[in-house]
PDB file of N, CA and C in Angstrom:
ATOM      1  N   MET A   1       0.830  -1.142   0.015  1.00  0.00           N
ATOM      2  CA  MET A   1       0.014   0.027   0.007  1.00  0.00           C
ATOM      3  C   MET A   1       0.889   1.255   0.009  1.00  0.00           C
ATOM      4  N   LEU A   2       2.025   1.168   0.753  1.00  0.00           N
ATOM      5  CA  LEU A   2       2.912   2.364   0.674  1.00  0.00           C
ATOM      6  C   LEU A   2       3.446   2.582  -0.685  1.00  0.00           C
ATOM      7  N   ALA A   3       3.831   1.525  -1.380  1.00  0.00           N
ATOM      8  CA  ALA A   3       4.297   1.658  -2.720  1.00  0.00           C
ATOM      9  C   ALA A   3       3.292   2.165  -3.716  1.00  0.00           C
ATOM     10  N   ALA A   4       2.011   1.916  -3.434  1.00  0.00           N
ATOM     11  CA  ALA A   4       0.919   2.425  -4.218  1.00  0.00           C
ATOM     12  C   ALA A   4       0.578   3.890  -3.975  1.00  0.00           C
ATOM     13  N   GLY A   5       1.166   4.458  -2.922  1.00  0.00           N
ATOM     14  CA  GLY A   5       0.939   5.857  -2.579  1.00  0.00           C
ATOM     15  C   GLY A   5      -0.195   6.066  -1.657  1.00  0.00           C
ATOM     16  N   ALA A   6      -0.697   5.008  -0.975  1.00  0.00           N
ATOM     17  CA  ALA A   6      -1.752   5.168  -0.007  1.00  0.00           C
ATOM     18  C   ALA A   6      -1.275   6.018   1.149  1.00  0.00           C
ATOM     19  N   GLY A   7      -2.145   6.788   1.771  1.00  0.00           N
ATOM     20  CA  GLY A   7      -1.799   7.587   2.889  1.00  0.00           C
ATOM     21  C   GLY A   7      -1.701   6.773   4.213  1.00  0.00           C
ATOM     22  N   THR A   8      -1.054   7.323   5.195  1.00  0.00           N
ATOM     23  CA  THR A   8      -0.751   6.673   6.432  1.00  0.00           C
ATOM     24  C   THR A   8      -2.068   6.334   7.155  1.00  0.00           C
ATOM     25  N   SER A   9      -3.030   7.195   7.214  1.00  0.00           N
ATOM     26  CA  SER A   9      -4.304   6.931   7.903  1.00  0.00           C
ATOM     27  C   SER A   9      -5.062   5.838   7.163  1.00  0.00           C
ATOM     28  N   GLU A  10      -5.089   5.832   5.885  1.00  0.00           N
ATOM     29  CA  GLU A  10      -5.763   4.809   5.079  1.00  0.00           C
ATOM     30  C   GLU A  10      -5.130   3.475   5.355  1.00  0.00           C
ATOM     31  N   ILE A  11      -3.864   3.400   5.355  1.00  0.00           N
ATOM     32  CA  ILE A  11      -3.165   2.088   5.628  1.00  0.00           C
ATOM     33  C   ILE A  11      -3.467   1.640   7.054  1.00  0.00           C
ATOM     34  N   ALA A  12      -3.433   2.538   8.030  1.00  0.00           N
ATOM     35  CA  ALA A  12      -3.735   2.155   9.384  1.00  0.00           C
ATOM     36  C   ALA A  12      -5.176   1.581   9.546  1.00  0.00           C
ATOM     37  N   ARG A  13      -6.139   2.270   8.905  1.00  0.00           N
ATOM     38  CA  ARG A  13      -7.523   1.738   8.969  1.00  0.00           C
ATOM     39  C   ARG A  13      -7.618   0.336   8.315  1.00  0.00           C
ATOM     40  N   ALA A  14      -6.989   0.177   7.150  1.00  0.00           N
ATOM     41  CA  ALA A  14      -7.113  -1.075   6.430  1.00  0.00           C
ATOM     42  C   ALA A  14      -6.392  -2.247   7.101  1.00  0.00           C
ATOM     43  N   THR A  15      -5.362  -1.969   7.795  1.00  0.00           N
ATOM     44  CA  THR A  15      -4.549  -3.051   8.439  1.00  0.00           C
ATOM     45  C   THR A  15      -4.809  -3.238   9.908  1.00  0.00           C
ATOM     46  N   GLY A  16      -5.434  -2.260  10.570  1.00  0.00           N
ATOM     47  CA  GLY A  16      -5.640  -2.372  12.015  1.00  0.00           C
ATOM     48  C   GLY A  16      -4.434  -1.900  12.808  1.00  0.00           C
ATOM     49  N   LEU A  17      -3.425  -1.396  12.105  1.00  0.00           N
ATOM     50  CA  LEU A  17      -2.215  -0.882  12.884  1.00  0.00           C
ATOM     51  C   LEU A  17      -2.416   0.529  13.223  1.00  0.00           C
ATOM     52  N   SER A  18      -1.686   1.063  14.188  1.00  0.00           N
ATOM     53  CA  SER A  18      -1.718   2.484  14.551  1.00  0.00           C
ATOM     54  C   SER A  18      -0.989   3.279  13.497  1.00  0.00           C
ATOM     55  N   ARG A  19      -1.355   4.546  13.363  1.00  0.00           N
ATOM     56  CA  ARG A  19      -0.666   5.430  12.452  1.00  0.00           C
ATOM     57  C   ARG A  19       0.793   5.478  12.744  1.00  0.00           C
ATOM     58  N   GLN A  20       1.179   5.459  14.050  1.00  0.00           N
ATOM     59  CA  GLN A  20       2.558   5.533  14.452  1.00  0.00           C
ATOM     60  C   GLN A  20       3.313   4.283  13.965  1.00  0.00           C
ATOM     61  N   ALA A  21       2.663   3.124  14.011  1.00  0.00           N
ATOM     62  CA  ALA A  21       3.317   1.908  13.500  1.00  0.00           C
ATOM     63  C   ALA A  21       3.523   1.992  11.976  1.00  0.00           C
ATOM     64  N   VAL A  22       2.507   2.471  11.290  1.00  0.00           N
ATOM     65  CA  VAL A  22       2.686   2.642   9.826  1.00  0.00           C
ATOM     66  C   VAL A  22       3.818   3.591   9.493  1.00  0.00           C
ATOM     67  N   LEU A  23       3.934   4.692  10.266  1.00  0.00           N
ATOM     68  CA  LEU A  23       5.005   5.690  10.023  1.00  0.00           C
ATOM     69  C   LEU A  23       6.408   5.063  10.316  1.00  0.00           C
ATOM     70  N   ARG A  24       6.472   4.237  11.374  1.00  0.00           N
ATOM     71  CA  ARG A  24       7.767   3.543  11.690  1.00  0.00           C
ATOM     72  C   ARG A  24       8.157   2.610  10.517  1.00  0.00           C
ATOM     73  N   ILE A  25       7.189   1.873   9.996  1.00  0.00           N
ATOM     74  CA  ILE A  25       7.464   0.944   8.941  1.00  0.00           C
ATOM     75  C   ILE A  25       7.850   1.758   7.697  1.00  0.00           C
ATOM     76  N   LYS A  26       7.145   2.838   7.411  1.00  0.00           N
ATOM     77  CA  LYS A  26       7.480   3.702   6.254  1.00  0.00           C
ATOM     78  C   LYS A  26       8.881   4.226   6.391  1.00  0.00           C
ATOM     79  N   ASP A  27       9.255   4.714   7.601  1.00  0.00           N
ATOM     80  CA  ASP A  27      10.562   5.345   7.768  1.00  0.00           C
ATOM     81  C   ASP A  27      11.716   4.398   7.663  1.00  0.00           C
ATOM     82  N   ASP A  28      11.485   3.094   8.104  1.00  0.00           N
ATOM     83  CA  ASP A  28      12.548   2.162   8.134  1.00  0.00           C
ATOM     84  C   ASP A  28      12.035   0.747   7.759  1.00  0.00           C
ATOM     85  N   PRO A  29      11.730   0.479   6.486  1.00  0.00           N
ATOM     86  CA  PRO A  29      11.129  -0.819   6.132  1.00  0.00           C
ATOM     87  C   PRO A  29      12.099  -1.971   6.407  1.00  0.00           C
ATOM     88  N   ALA A  30      13.392  -1.822   6.334  1.00  0.00           N
ATOM     89  CA  ALA A  30      14.304  -2.921   6.595  1.00  0.00           C
ATOM     90  C   ALA A  30      14.215  -3.348   8.044  1.00  0.00           C
ATOM     91  N   ALA A  31      14.137  -2.410   8.985  1.00  0.00           N
ATOM     92  CA  ALA A  31      14.022  -2.776  10.413  1.00  0.00           C
ATOM     93  C   ALA A  31      12.705  -3.416  10.691  1.00  0.00           C
ATOM     94  N   ALA A  32      11.619  -3.015   9.999  1.00  0.00           N
ATOM     95  CA  ALA A  32      10.362  -3.671  10.142  1.00  0.00           C
ATOM     96  C   ALA A  32      10.363  -5.053   9.643  1.00  0.00           C
ATOM     97  N   GLU A  33      10.968  -5.301   8.536  1.00  0.00           N
ATOM     98  CA  GLU A  33      11.102  -6.676   8.028  1.00  0.00           C
ATOM     99  C   GLU A  33      11.951  -7.525   8.880  1.00  0.00           C
ATOM    100  N   LYS A  34      12.982  -6.965   9.453  1.00  0.00           N
ATOM    101  CA  LYS A  34      13.867  -7.762  10.408  1.00  0.00           C
ATOM    102  C   LYS A  34      13.046  -8.094  11.653  1.00  0.00           C
ATOM    103  N   ALA A  35      12.261  -7.160  12.153  1.00  0.00           N
ATOM    104  CA  ALA A  35      11.422  -7.518  13.368  1.00  0.00           C
ATOM    105  C   ALA A  35      10.410  -8.562  13.052  1.00  0.00           C
ATOM    106  N   LEU A  36       9.796  -8.495  11.924  1.00  0.00           N
ATOM    107  CA  LEU A  36       8.836  -9.490  11.496  1.00  0.00           C
ATOM    108  C   LEU A  36       9.406 -10.895  11.424  1.00  0.00           C
ATOM    109  N   THR A  37      10.610 -10.920  10.820  1.00  0.00           N
ATOM    110  CA  THR A  37      11.328 -12.187  10.728  1.00  0.00           C
ATOM    111  C   THR A  37      11.650 -12.800  12.098  1.00  0.00           C
ATOM    112  N   SER A  38      12.021 -12.009  13.060  1.00  0.00           N
ATOM    113  CA  SER A  38      12.399 -12.414  14.360  1.00  0.00           C
ATOM    114  C   SER A  38      11.154 -12.908  15.099  1.00  0.00           C
ATOM    115  N   TRP A  39      10.018 -12.356  14.821  1.00  0.00           N
ATOM    116  CA  TRP A  39       8.805 -12.754  15.492  1.00  0.00           C
ATOM    117  C   TRP A  39       8.324 -14.098  14.966  1.00  0.00           C
ATOM    118  N   GLU A  40       8.695 -14.435  13.733  1.00  0.00           N
ATOM    119  CA  GLU A  40       8.268 -15.703  13.165  1.00  0.00           C
ATOM    120  C   GLU A  40       9.017 -16.923  13.718  1.00  0.00           C
ATOM    121  N   ALA A  41      10.194 -16.604  14.273  1.00  0.00           N
ATOM    122  CA  ALA A  41      11.102 -17.682  14.794  1.00  0.00           C
ATOM    123  C   ALA A  41      10.565 -18.311  16.034  1.00  0.00           C
TER     124      ALA A  41
END
């Protein structure tokens, strides 16, 4: 959704995440991917 140009609030509503979480992911997608990978382990 970020790549498609959707706004932060729109993404937050669609995913159930907070706006702050969406902004953190947007600011550092590599760190977000790393955290996701560690949660799957």
